[in-house]
Amino acid sequence: MTRRPPYEPTAAVKPATRGRGDTPPPVPPHELRHEPADEREFEDEGRNWIARLGGKGACGTGSYGLGLVEAVHFFDAGEPERPLREALLARGRFDGMYDAELSRLLRTARPIQNAS
């Protein structure tokens, strides 16, 4: 039986060509930049609505920090200056919502009491 020399891991590995300045580092993947929407139009049960961001804030307590929220105001499309309902949503979620999600949010939104 012939004895083999001890295995040397560096002998089987080709020398690295990356990381020595001869090639640029890879570009990490990223989202395409776009302006977030602050107003959306949608239809719910035959009625046209406008959902508009009404403000941002933070709430909660604890060692993990505050929860970031946005207020979403709902307007009848015929009266775009008078908000009828309001809901809070996790910050950044509004921009990617489908119309069906906006309809569900509208149904759970609280009526806005106008002081008049």
C-alpha atoms as a PDB file:
ATOM      1  CA  MET A   1       0.000   0.000   0.000  1.00  0.00           C
ATOM      2  CA  THR A   2       1.297   3.417  -1.031  1.00  0.00           C
ATOM      3  CA  ARG A   3       1.107   6.206   1.431  1.00  0.00           C
ATOM      4  CA  ARG A   4      -0.172   9.579   0.275  1.00  0.00           C
ATOM      5  CA  PRO A   5       1.360  12.831   1.438  1.00  0.00           C
ATOM      6  CA  PRO A   6      -0.770  14.816   3.925  1.00  0.00           C
ATOM      7  CA  TYR A   7      -3.560  16.883   2.406  1.00  0.00           C
ATOM      8  CA  GLU A   8      -2.736  20.540   1.968  1.00  0.00           C
ATOM      9  CA  PRO A   9      -5.916  22.607   1.486  1.00  0.00           C
ATOM     10  CA  THR A  10      -4.106  25.617   0.011  1.00  0.00           C
ATOM     11  CA  ALA A  11      -2.569  23.536  -2.752  1.00  0.00           C
ATOM     12  CA  ALA A  12      -5.966  22.712  -4.319  1.00  0.00           C
ATOM     13  CA  VAL A  13      -7.351  26.241  -4.215  1.00  0.00           C
ATOM     14  CA  LYS A  14      -6.597  28.589  -7.094  1.00  0.00           C
ATOM     15  CA  PRO A  15      -5.262  31.979  -6.105  1.00  0.00           C
ATOM     16  CA  ALA A  16      -7.994  34.594  -5.604  1.00  0.00           C
ATOM     17  CA  THR A  17      -8.265  37.345  -8.178  1.00  0.00           C
ATOM     18  CA  ARG A  18     -10.934  39.373  -6.375  1.00  0.00           C
ATOM     19  CA  GLY A  19     -10.436  41.738  -3.496  1.00  0.00           C
ATOM     20  CA  ARG A  20      -6.965  42.894  -4.452  1.00  0.00           C
ATOM     21  CA  GLY A  21      -8.058  46.003  -6.301  1.00  0.00           C
ATOM     22  CA  ASP A  22      -7.976  44.422  -9.754  1.00  0.00           C
ATOM     23  CA  THR A  23     -11.799  44.353 -10.070  1.00  0.00           C
ATOM     24  CA  PRO A  24     -14.492  46.651  -8.631  1.00  0.00           C
ATOM     25  CA  PRO A  25     -16.630  45.279  -5.799  1.00  0.00           C
ATOM     26  CA  PRO A  26     -20.050  43.931  -6.786  1.00  0.00           C
ATOM     27  CA  VAL A  27     -23.004  46.305  -6.606  1.00  0.00           C
ATOM     28  CA  PRO A  28     -25.461  45.172  -3.911  1.00  0.00           C
ATOM     29  CA  PRO A  29     -29.069  44.681  -5.009  1.00  0.00           C
ATOM     30  CA  HIS A  30     -31.370  47.593  -4.232  1.00  0.00           C
ATOM     31  CA  GLU A  31     -34.897  48.836  -4.825  1.00  0.00           C
ATOM     32  CA  LEU A  32     -35.507  51.307  -7.623  1.00  0.00           C
ATOM     33  CA  ARG A  33     -35.919  54.805  -6.281  1.00  0.00           C
ATOM     34  CA  HIS A  34     -39.330  56.402  -6.675  1.00  0.00           C
ATOM     35  CA  GLU A  35     -41.357  59.089  -5.029  1.00  0.00           C
ATOM     36  CA  PRO A  36     -43.817  57.607  -2.537  1.00  0.00           C
ATOM     37  CA  ALA A  37     -47.471  58.230  -3.257  1.00  0.00           C
ATOM     38  CA  ASP A  38     -49.301  60.525  -0.861  1.00  0.00           C
ATOM     39  CA  GLU A  39     -52.713  60.149  -2.519  1.00  0.00           C
ATOM     40  CA  ARG A  40     -54.578  57.230  -4.094  1.00  0.00           C
ATOM     41  CA  GLU A  41     -57.946  56.983  -5.800  1.00  0.00           C
ATOM     42  CA  PHE A  42     -59.977  53.774  -5.591  1.00  0.00           C
ATOM     43  CA  GLU A  43     -63.536  52.492  -5.805  1.00  0.00           C
ATOM     44  CA  ASP A  44     -65.424  50.734  -3.027  1.00  0.00           C
ATOM     45  CA  GLU A  45     -68.956  49.419  -3.491  1.00  0.00           C
ATOM     46  CA  GLY A  46     -69.609  51.706  -6.468  1.00  0.00           C
ATOM     47  CA  ARG A  47     -68.390  54.858  -4.686  1.00  0.00           C
ATOM     48  CA  ASN A  48     -65.180  56.670  -5.631  1.00  0.00           C
ATOM     49  CA  TRP A  49     -62.811  57.464  -2.765  1.00  0.00           C
ATOM     50  CA  ILE A  50     -59.543  59.298  -2.283  1.00  0.00           C
ATOM     51  CA  ALA A  51     -57.080  58.021   0.321  1.00  0.00           C
ATOM     52  CA  ARG A  52     -54.544  60.653   1.353  1.00  0.00           C
ATOM     53  CA  LEU A  53     -51.720  60.634   3.881  1.00  0.00           C
ATOM     54  CA  GLY A  54     -52.638  63.049   6.649  1.00  0.00           C
ATOM     55  CA  GLY A  55     -49.539  62.948   8.830  1.00  0.00           C
ATOM     56  CA  LYS A  56     -46.833  60.833  10.420  1.00  0.00           C
ATOM     57  CA  GLY A  57     -46.007  60.051  13.994  1.00  0.00           C
ATOM     58  CA  ALA A  58     -44.663  57.545  16.482  1.00  0.00           C
ATOM     59  CA  CYS A  59     -46.424  55.774  19.318  1.00  0.00           C
ATOM     60  CA  GLY A  60     -45.808  53.185  22.016  1.00  0.00           C
ATOM     61  CA  THR A  61     -43.349  52.560  24.799  1.00  0.00           C
ATOM     62  CA  GLY A  62     -40.799  49.946  25.649  1.00  0.00           C
ATOM     63  CA  SER A  63     -37.220  48.989  25.124  1.00  0.00           C
ATOM     64  CA  TYR A  64     -37.654  48.232  21.411  1.00  0.00           C
ATOM     65  CA  GLY A  65     -38.481  51.824  20.498  1.00  0.00           C
ATOM     66  CA  LEU A  66     -41.532  53.501  19.119  1.00  0.00           C
ATOM     67  CA  GLY A  67     -43.796  52.258  16.340  1.00  0.00           C
ATOM     68  CA  LEU A  68     -43.831  54.553  13.310  1.00  0.00           C
ATOM     69  CA  VAL A  69     -47.331  55.229  11.948  1.00  0.00           C
ATOM     70  CA  GLU A  70     -49.066  57.265   9.253  1.00  0.00           C
ATOM     71  CA  ALA A  71     -52.577  58.672   9.363  1.00  0.00           C
ATOM     72  CA  VAL A  72     -54.620  57.898   6.255  1.00  0.00           C
ATOM     73  CA  HIS A  73     -57.625  60.145   5.602  1.00  0.00           C
ATOM     74  CA  PHE A  74     -60.455  59.040   3.334  1.00  0.00           C
ATOM     75  CA  PHE A  75     -62.385  61.554   1.233  1.00  0.00           C
ATOM     76  CA  ASP A  76     -65.425  61.168  -0.994  1.00  0.00           C
ATOM     77  CA  ALA A  77     -64.186  61.902  -4.528  1.00  0.00           C
ATOM     78  CA  GLY A  78     -66.985  64.471  -4.895  1.00  0.00           C
ATOM     79  CA  GLU A  79     -65.732  66.400  -1.829  1.00  0.00           C
ATOM     80  CA  PRO A  80     -61.931  66.103  -1.897  1.00  0.00           C
ATOM     81  CA  GLU A  81     -61.453  68.861   0.719  1.00  0.00           C
ATOM     82  CA  ARG A  82     -63.468  67.235   3.565  1.00  0.00           C
ATOM     83  CA  PRO A  83     -62.059  64.066   5.207  1.00  0.00           C
ATOM     84  CA  LEU A  84     -64.714  61.573   6.305  1.00  0.00           C
ATOM     85  CA  ARG A  85     -62.724  58.748   7.903  1.00  0.00           C
ATOM     86  CA  GLU A  86     -59.246  58.158   9.352  1.00  0.00           C
ATOM     87  CA  ALA A  87     -57.081  55.090   9.981  1.00  0.00           C
ATOM     88  CA  LEU A  88     -53.564  54.539  11.300  1.00  0.00           C
ATOM     89  CA  LEU A  89     -51.166  52.425   9.314  1.00  0.00           C
ATOM     90  CA  ALA A  90     -47.566  51.298   9.759  1.00  0.00           C
ATOM     91  CA  ARG A  91     -45.293  53.877   8.158  1.00  0.00           C
ATOM     92  CA  GLY A  92     -44.271  53.033   4.602  1.00  0.00           C
ATOM     93  CA  ARG A  93     -47.143  50.598   4.000  1.00  0.00           C
ATOM     94  CA  PHE A  94     -49.503  53.019   2.176  1.00  0.00           C
ATOM     95  CA  ASP A  95     -47.462  53.243  -1.008  1.00  0.00           C
ATOM     96  CA  GLY A  96     -47.674  49.512  -1.783  1.00  0.00           C
ATOM     97  CA  MET A  97     -51.325  48.851  -0.939  1.00  0.00           C
ATOM     98  CA  TYR A  98     -53.717  47.347  -3.476  1.00  0.00           C
ATOM     99  CA  ASP A  99     -57.197  48.823  -3.957  1.00  0.00           C
ATOM    100  CA  ALA A 100     -58.755  45.849  -2.124  1.00  0.00           C
ATOM    101  CA  GLU A 101     -56.514  46.583   0.885  1.00  0.00           C
ATOM    102  CA  LEU A 102     -57.555  50.247   0.821  1.00  0.00           C
ATOM    103  CA  SER A 103     -61.212  49.138   0.787  1.00  0.00           C
ATOM    104  CA  ARG A 104     -60.652  46.969   3.864  1.00  0.00           C
ATOM    105  CA  LEU A 105     -58.835  49.813   5.607  1.00  0.00           C
ATOM    106  CA  LEU A 106     -61.696  52.189   4.758  1.00  0.00           C
ATOM    107  CA  ARG A 107     -64.216  49.841   6.387  1.00  0.00           C
ATOM    108  CA  THR A 108     -62.228  49.763   9.631  1.00  0.00           C
ATOM    109  CA  ALA A 109     -61.427  53.505   9.614  1.00  0.00           C
ATOM    110  CA  ARG A 110     -62.972  55.720  12.296  1.00  0.00           C
ATOM    111  CA  PRO A 111     -65.342  58.519  11.308  1.00  0.00           C
ATOM    112  CA  ILE A 112     -63.894  62.019  11.655  1.00  0.00           C
ATOM    113  CA  GLN A 113     -66.081  64.257  13.807  1.00  0.00           C
ATOM    114  CA  ASN A 114     -66.102  67.731  12.300  1.00  0.00           C
ATOM    115  CA  ALA A 115     -66.390  70.582  14.788  1.00  0.00           C
ATOM    116  CA  SER A 116     -69.102  72.609  13.065  1.00  0.00           C
END
